[in-house]
C-alpha atoms as a PDB file:
ATOM      1  CA  UNK A   1     -24.890  17.721 -25.125  1.00  0.00           C
ATOM      2  CA  UNK A   2     -26.780  14.744 -23.758  1.00  0.00           C
ATOM      3  CA  UNK A   3     -28.687  14.373 -27.067  1.00  0.00           C
ATOM      4  CA  UNK A   4     -25.365  14.105 -29.033  1.00  0.00           C
ATOM      5  CA  UNK A   5     -24.011  11.552 -26.495  1.00  0.00           C
ATOM      6  CA  UNK A   6     -27.163   9.463 -26.690  1.00  0.00           C
ATOM      7  CA  UNK A   7     -27.082   9.421 -30.528  1.00  0.00           C
ATOM      8  CA  UNK A   8     -23.452   8.396 -30.513  1.00  0.00           C
ATOM      9  CA  UNK A   9     -24.115   5.646 -27.983  1.00  0.00           C
ATOM     10  CA  UNK A  10     -27.066   4.414 -30.085  1.00  0.00           C
ATOM     11  CA  UNK A  11     -24.746   4.284 -33.092  1.00  0.00           C
ATOM     12  CA  UNK A  12     -22.172   2.288 -31.124  1.00  0.00           C
ATOM     13  CA  UNK A  13     -24.976  -0.165 -29.975  1.00  0.00           C
ATOM     14  CA  UNK A  14     -26.149  -0.544 -33.555  1.00  0.00           C
ATOM     15  CA  UNK A  15     -22.563  -1.312 -34.643  1.00  0.00           C
ATOM     16  CA  UNK A  16     -22.247  -3.880 -31.750  1.00  0.00           C
ATOM     17  CA  UNK A  17     -25.362  -5.617 -32.935  1.00  0.00           C
ATOM     18  CA  UNK A  18     -23.999  -5.750 -36.495  1.00  0.00           C
ATOM     19  CA  UNK A  19     -20.689  -7.106 -35.223  1.00  0.00           C
ATOM     20  CA  UNK A  20     -22.475  -9.811 -33.170  1.00  0.00           C
ATOM     21  CA  UNK A  21     -24.307 -10.920 -36.275  1.00  0.00           C
ATOM     22  CA  UNK A  22     -21.110 -10.997 -38.287  1.00  0.00           C
ATOM     23  CA  UNK A  23     -18.738 -12.554 -35.781  1.00  0.00           C
ATOM     24  CA  UNK A  24     -20.739 -13.902 -32.820  1.00  0.00           C
ATOM     25  CA  UNK A  25     -19.898 -14.242 -29.188  1.00  0.00           C
ATOM     26  CA  UNK A  26     -18.000 -17.477 -29.654  1.00  0.00           C
ATOM     27  CA  UNK A  27     -15.496 -15.725 -31.901  1.00  0.00           C
ATOM     28  CA  UNK A  28     -15.084 -12.811 -29.508  1.00  0.00           C
ATOM     29  CA  UNK A  29     -14.427 -15.157 -26.570  1.00  0.00           C
ATOM     30  CA  UNK A  30     -11.773 -16.924 -28.461  1.00  0.00           C
ATOM     31  CA  UNK A  31      -9.667 -13.742 -28.825  1.00  0.00           C
ATOM     32  CA  UNK A  32      -6.835 -13.034 -26.404  1.00  0.00           C
ATOM     33  CA  UNK A  33      -6.130  -9.578 -24.866  1.00  0.00           C
ATOM     34  CA  UNK A  34      -3.282  -8.966 -27.353  1.00  0.00           C
ATOM     35  CA  UNK A  35      -5.646  -9.839 -30.223  1.00  0.00           C
ATOM     36  CA  UNK A  36      -8.087  -7.201 -29.090  1.00  0.00           C
ATOM     37  CA  UNK A  37      -5.371  -4.648 -28.688  1.00  0.00           C
ATOM     38  CA  UNK A  38      -4.088  -5.401 -32.254  1.00  0.00           C
ATOM     39  CA  UNK A  39      -7.590  -5.071 -33.658  1.00  0.00           C
ATOM     40  CA  UNK A  40      -8.220  -1.749 -31.893  1.00  0.00           C
ATOM     41  CA  UNK A  41      -4.791  -0.379 -32.954  1.00  0.00           C
ATOM     42  CA  UNK A  42      -5.619  -1.201 -36.543  1.00  0.00           C
ATOM     43  CA  UNK A  43      -9.050   0.398 -36.344  1.00  0.00           C
ATOM     44  CA  UNK A  44      -7.743   3.586 -34.682  1.00  0.00           C
ATOM     45  CA  UNK A  45      -5.052   3.722 -37.427  1.00  0.00           C
ATOM     46  CA  UNK A  46      -7.817   3.503 -40.055  1.00  0.00           C
ATOM     47  CA  UNK A  47      -9.660   6.312 -38.270  1.00  0.00           C
ATOM     48  CA  UNK A  48      -6.375   8.429 -38.209  1.00  0.00           C
ATOM     49  CA  UNK A  49      -5.836   7.987 -41.883  1.00  0.00           C
ATOM     50  CA  UNK A  50      -9.517   8.757 -42.714  1.00  0.00           C
ATOM     51  CA  UNK A  51      -9.219  11.884 -40.534  1.00  0.00           C
ATOM     52  CA  UNK A  52      -5.939  12.876 -42.248  1.00  0.00           C
ATOM     53  CA  UNK A  53      -7.654  12.514 -45.603  1.00  0.00           C
ATOM     54  CA  UNK A  54     -10.353  14.928 -44.261  1.00  0.00           C
ATOM     55  CA  UNK A  55     -13.111  12.412 -44.891  1.00  0.00           C
ATOM     56  CA  UNK A  56     -15.432  13.247 -41.936  1.00  0.00           C
ATOM     57  CA  UNK A  57     -17.949  10.498 -42.832  1.00  0.00           C
ATOM     58  CA  UNK A  58     -15.381   7.767 -42.907  1.00  0.00           C
ATOM     59  CA  UNK A  59     -13.661   9.058 -39.822  1.00  0.00           C
ATOM     60  CA  UNK A  60     -16.906   9.081 -37.898  1.00  0.00           C
ATOM     61  CA  UNK A  61     -17.868   5.566 -39.096  1.00  0.00           C
ATOM     62  CA  UNK A  62     -14.505   4.186 -38.184  1.00  0.00           C
ATOM     63  CA  UNK A  63     -14.491   5.774 -34.677  1.00  0.00           C
ATOM     64  CA  UNK A  64     -17.982   4.209 -34.125  1.00  0.00           C
ATOM     65  CA  UNK A  65     -16.569   0.812 -35.198  1.00  0.00           C
ATOM     66  CA  UNK A  66     -13.533   1.262 -32.979  1.00  0.00           C
ATOM     67  CA  UNK A  67     -15.768   2.129 -29.956  1.00  0.00           C
ATOM     68  CA  UNK A  68     -18.027  -0.824 -30.663  1.00  0.00           C
ATOM     69  CA  UNK A  69     -14.972  -3.129 -30.874  1.00  0.00           C
ATOM     70  CA  UNK A  70     -13.674  -1.807 -27.515  1.00  0.00           C
ATOM     71  CA  UNK A  71     -17.103  -2.666 -26.038  1.00  0.00           C
ATOM     72  CA  UNK A  72     -16.862  -6.182 -27.524  1.00  0.00           C
ATOM     73  CA  UNK A  73     -13.434  -6.582 -25.996  1.00  0.00           C
ATOM     74  CA  UNK A  74     -14.764  -5.597 -22.587  1.00  0.00           C
ATOM     75  CA  UNK A  75     -17.751  -7.928 -22.959  1.00  0.00           C
ATOM     76  CA  UNK A  76     -15.507 -10.854 -23.791  1.00  0.00           C
ATOM     77  CA  UNK A  77     -13.205  -9.907 -20.848  1.00  0.00           C
ATOM     78  CA  UNK A  78     -16.142  -9.826 -18.425  1.00  0.00           C
ATOM     79  CA  UNK A  79     -17.339 -13.210 -19.575  1.00  0.00           C
ATOM     80  CA  UNK A  80     -13.925 -14.745 -18.884  1.00  0.00           C
ATOM     81  CA  UNK A  81     -13.425 -13.099 -15.526  1.00  0.00           C
END
């Protein structure tokens, strides 16, 4: 079980690194709480539609993106508080 969790957490970290290159900390810090919630709701909606379409690869990728975005939201929150 631990091996699976470590692999998933590594994937989330890789996605966070990719997001940082794309958007940067300055962009993240400019977002308000409601912005983060809207982004996360959109991403989880995409994951739900990928899951409904029975596309396991897309579902997995979107869930990793959603988790990484939640981490980004928490990082920005911590920097502000």
